[in-house]
Each structure stands twice: as C-alpha cells, then as structure tokens.
Amino acid sequence: MGSPVGADIHGKTLGVIGFGRIGRAVARRAGGFNMRILYHDALRADAAAERELNATSWRRSDCWPMLTS
C-alpha cells in the first residue's frame, strides 16, 4: 500500500449551512482538525455554543455569492 492520498484540512475553514443537531456534530468533528467554522442558520446559536465549537455566524448575504459561483 502506498501513502495516503488527499489534502491536509488542518487549519482550513469549513462552512456549515444549518447549525442544528447535525451541523453542530459536524462542527465538533471539524474541531479535531483545528478548523475555523463559519455557519449559517435561521437562528443564531447562543454565545456559549459558538465559543465551544469555535464557530462564527454568517449572514445569508455573505454566503450567497459562494453558493452560486
């Protein structure tokens, strides 16, 4: 077997659309890779959850150009 193939994701940024149970679970896993989490949800998470998950809320207007390109 050869060496693993893929890109290093440590320190990268992850965008999460929807920050409910599944979105937060994804953010927790990404924390293991020291990733920056940007999320969009209809309701902003409380400050304690944002700190715990190292997550930052994004407005829809900030996300939209990335989703349509």
N, C-alpha and C. Protein backbone atom coordinates (compact mmCIF):
# COMPACT_ATOMS: atom_id res chain seq x y z
N MET A 1 0.84 -1.19 0.00
CA MET A 1 0.00 0.00 0.00
C MET A 1 0.87 1.24 0.00
N GLY A 2 0.47 2.22 -0.78
CA GLY A 2 1.21 3.47 -0.86
C GLY A 2 0.80 4.42 0.25
N SER A 3 1.31 5.62 0.17
CA SER A 3 0.96 6.62 1.17
C SER A 3 -0.46 7.13 0.91
N PRO A 4 -1.13 7.65 1.96
CA PRO A 4 -2.49 8.14 1.80
C PRO A 4 -2.56 9.31 0.81
N VAL A 5 -3.66 9.38 0.10
CA VAL A 5 -3.87 10.44 -0.87
C VAL A 5 -4.93 11.38 -0.33
N GLY A 6 -4.72 12.68 -0.47
CA GLY A 6 -5.71 13.64 -0.03
C GLY A 6 -5.05 14.93 0.39
N ALA A 7 -5.87 15.89 0.73
CA ALA A 7 -5.38 17.21 1.14
C ALA A 7 -5.42 17.33 2.66
N ASP A 8 -4.50 18.09 3.19
CA ASP A 8 -4.48 18.35 4.63
C ASP A 8 -5.56 19.38 4.96
N ILE A 9 -6.42 19.09 5.90
CA ILE A 9 -7.50 20.01 6.24
C ILE A 9 -7.25 20.76 7.54
N HIS A 10 -6.16 20.49 8.22
CA HIS A 10 -5.84 21.20 9.46
C HIS A 10 -5.75 22.70 9.21
N GLY A 11 -6.47 23.47 10.04
CA GLY A 11 -6.42 24.92 9.95
C GLY A 11 -7.25 25.53 8.83
N LYS A 12 -7.96 24.73 8.06
CA LYS A 12 -8.80 25.25 6.97
C LYS A 12 -10.13 25.77 7.52
N THR A 13 -10.94 26.35 6.67
CA THR A 13 -12.24 26.88 7.05
C THR A 13 -13.34 25.97 6.52
N LEU A 14 -14.32 25.69 7.36
CA LEU A 14 -15.47 24.86 6.98
C LEU A 14 -16.73 25.70 7.07
N GLY A 15 -17.52 25.73 6.00
CA GLY A 15 -18.82 26.40 6.01
C GLY A 15 -19.92 25.39 6.25
N VAL A 16 -20.78 25.68 7.22
CA VAL A 16 -21.88 24.78 7.58
C VAL A 16 -23.19 25.52 7.35
N ILE A 17 -24.04 24.95 6.50
CA ILE A 17 -25.37 25.52 6.25
C ILE A 17 -26.34 24.72 7.09
N GLY A 18 -26.91 25.36 8.09
CA GLY A 18 -27.79 24.70 9.05
C GLY A 18 -26.98 24.30 10.27
N PHE A 19 -27.29 24.88 11.42
CA PHE A 19 -26.49 24.65 12.62
C PHE A 19 -27.33 24.00 13.71
N GLY A 20 -28.13 23.04 13.28
CA GLY A 20 -28.90 22.24 14.23
C GLY A 20 -28.06 21.09 14.75
N ARG A 21 -28.70 20.01 15.08
CA ARG A 21 -28.01 18.86 15.67
C ARG A 21 -26.90 18.32 14.76
N ILE A 22 -27.21 18.15 13.48
CA ILE A 22 -26.22 17.60 12.55
C ILE A 22 -25.11 18.61 12.27
N GLY A 23 -25.47 19.86 12.02
CA GLY A 23 -24.45 20.89 11.77
C GLY A 23 -23.48 21.04 12.93
N ARG A 24 -23.99 20.98 14.15
CA ARG A 24 -23.11 21.10 15.32
C ARG A 24 -22.24 19.86 15.48
N ALA A 25 -22.77 18.69 15.13
CA ALA A 25 -21.96 17.47 15.20
C ALA A 25 -20.81 17.54 14.20
N VAL A 26 -21.08 18.06 13.01
CA VAL A 26 -20.02 18.24 12.01
C VAL A 26 -18.98 19.23 12.54
N ALA A 27 -19.44 20.32 13.14
CA ALA A 27 -18.51 21.32 13.70
C ALA A 27 -17.64 20.72 14.80
N ARG A 28 -18.22 19.86 15.64
CA ARG A 28 -17.43 19.20 16.69
C ARG A 28 -16.31 18.35 16.08
N ARG A 29 -16.65 17.60 15.06
CA ARG A 29 -15.64 16.76 14.41
C ARG A 29 -14.56 17.60 13.75
N ALA A 30 -14.97 18.69 13.14
CA ALA A 30 -14.00 19.58 12.48
C ALA A 30 -13.06 20.22 13.51
N GLY A 31 -13.54 20.38 14.72
CA GLY A 31 -12.70 20.94 15.78
C GLY A 31 -11.47 20.08 16.03
N GLY A 32 -11.57 18.81 15.80
CA GLY A 32 -10.43 17.92 15.95
C GLY A 32 -9.32 18.21 14.95
N PHE A 33 -9.67 18.92 13.90
CA PHE A 33 -8.68 19.30 12.88
C PHE A 33 -8.33 20.78 12.98
N ASN A 34 -8.72 21.41 14.09
CA ASN A 34 -8.44 22.83 14.33
C ASN A 34 -8.95 23.70 13.19
N MET A 35 -10.16 23.38 12.71
CA MET A 35 -10.75 24.12 11.60
C MET A 35 -11.54 25.32 12.10
N ARG A 36 -11.58 26.36 11.30
CA ARG A 36 -12.41 27.52 11.56
C ARG A 36 -13.81 27.19 11.04
N ILE A 37 -14.85 27.43 11.83
CA ILE A 37 -16.21 27.08 11.45
C ILE A 37 -17.00 28.36 11.18
N LEU A 38 -17.55 28.47 9.98
CA LEU A 38 -18.49 29.53 9.64
C LEU A 38 -19.83 28.86 9.39
N TYR A 39 -20.88 29.36 10.04
CA TYR A 39 -22.17 28.71 9.87
C TYR A 39 -23.26 29.71 9.53
N HIS A 40 -24.28 29.19 8.86
CA HIS A 40 -25.50 29.98 8.59
C HIS A 40 -26.69 29.17 9.07
N ASP A 41 -27.57 29.82 9.79
CA ASP A 41 -28.79 29.19 10.26
C ASP A 41 -29.83 30.30 10.44
N ALA A 42 -31.09 29.94 10.39
CA ALA A 42 -32.15 30.92 10.59
C ALA A 42 -32.06 31.55 11.97
N LEU A 43 -31.63 30.77 12.95
CA LEU A 43 -31.46 31.27 14.32
C LEU A 43 -29.99 31.21 14.70
N ARG A 44 -29.49 32.29 15.25
CA ARG A 44 -28.09 32.30 15.67
C ARG A 44 -27.93 31.45 16.93
N ALA A 45 -26.86 30.69 16.99
CA ALA A 45 -26.56 29.87 18.17
C ALA A 45 -26.20 30.78 19.34
N ASP A 46 -26.40 30.28 20.55
CA ASP A 46 -26.04 31.09 21.71
C ASP A 46 -24.51 31.22 21.78
N ALA A 47 -24.06 32.24 22.50
CA ALA A 47 -22.64 32.56 22.57
C ALA A 47 -21.81 31.40 23.13
N ALA A 48 -22.36 30.66 24.10
CA ALA A 48 -21.63 29.53 24.68
C ALA A 48 -21.37 28.45 23.64
N ALA A 49 -22.36 28.16 22.80
CA ALA A 49 -22.18 27.15 21.75
C ALA A 49 -21.17 27.62 20.71
N GLU A 50 -21.22 28.90 20.36
CA GLU A 50 -20.25 29.43 19.40
C GLU A 50 -18.82 29.33 19.94
N ARG A 51 -18.64 29.64 21.23
CA ARG A 51 -17.31 29.53 21.84
C ARG A 51 -16.85 28.08 21.89
N GLU A 52 -17.75 27.19 22.33
CA GLU A 52 -17.40 25.77 22.46
C GLU A 52 -16.96 25.17 21.13
N LEU A 53 -17.64 25.55 20.06
CA LEU A 53 -17.38 24.96 18.74
C LEU A 53 -16.47 25.83 17.88
N ASN A 54 -16.01 26.96 18.43
CA ASN A 54 -15.17 27.90 17.68
C ASN A 54 -15.86 28.29 16.37
N ALA A 55 -17.15 28.62 16.47
CA ALA A 55 -17.97 28.90 15.29
C ALA A 55 -18.34 30.37 15.21
N THR A 56 -18.46 30.85 13.98
CA THR A 56 -18.84 32.23 13.72
C THR A 56 -20.05 32.22 12.79
N SER A 57 -21.07 33.01 13.14
CA SER A 57 -22.28 33.10 12.32
C SER A 57 -22.02 33.96 11.09
N TRP A 58 -22.57 33.52 9.95
CA TRP A 58 -22.51 34.27 8.70
C TRP A 58 -23.92 34.60 8.27
N ARG A 59 -24.10 35.80 7.74
CA ARG A 59 -25.41 36.18 7.19
C ARG A 59 -25.58 35.54 5.82
N ARG A 60 -26.81 35.37 5.42
CA ARG A 60 -27.09 34.77 4.12
C ARG A 60 -26.46 35.57 2.98
N SER A 61 -26.47 36.89 3.10
CA SER A 61 -25.90 37.71 2.04
C SER A 61 -24.39 37.48 1.89
N ASP A 62 -23.71 37.05 2.97
CA ASP A 62 -22.29 36.73 2.89
C ASP A 62 -22.08 35.38 2.23
N CYS A 63 -22.98 34.44 2.45
CA CYS A 63 -22.85 33.09 1.92
C CYS A 63 -23.26 32.98 0.46
N TRP A 64 -24.25 33.73 0.05
CA TRP A 64 -24.88 33.54 -1.25
C TRP A 64 -23.90 33.57 -2.42
N PRO A 65 -22.96 34.53 -2.51
CA PRO A 65 -22.05 34.53 -3.66
C PRO A 65 -21.23 33.23 -3.75
N MET A 66 -20.86 32.65 -2.63
CA MET A 66 -20.08 31.42 -2.65
C MET A 66 -20.92 30.25 -3.15
N LEU A 67 -22.20 30.25 -2.83
CA LEU A 67 -23.07 29.13 -3.20
C LEU A 67 -23.48 29.16 -4.66
N THR A 68 -23.44 30.33 -5.27
CA THR A 68 -23.91 30.46 -6.64
C THR A 68 -22.78 30.50 -7.66
N SER A 69 -21.54 30.46 -7.22
CA SER A 69 -20.42 30.54 -8.19
C SER A 69 -19.99 29.16 -8.63
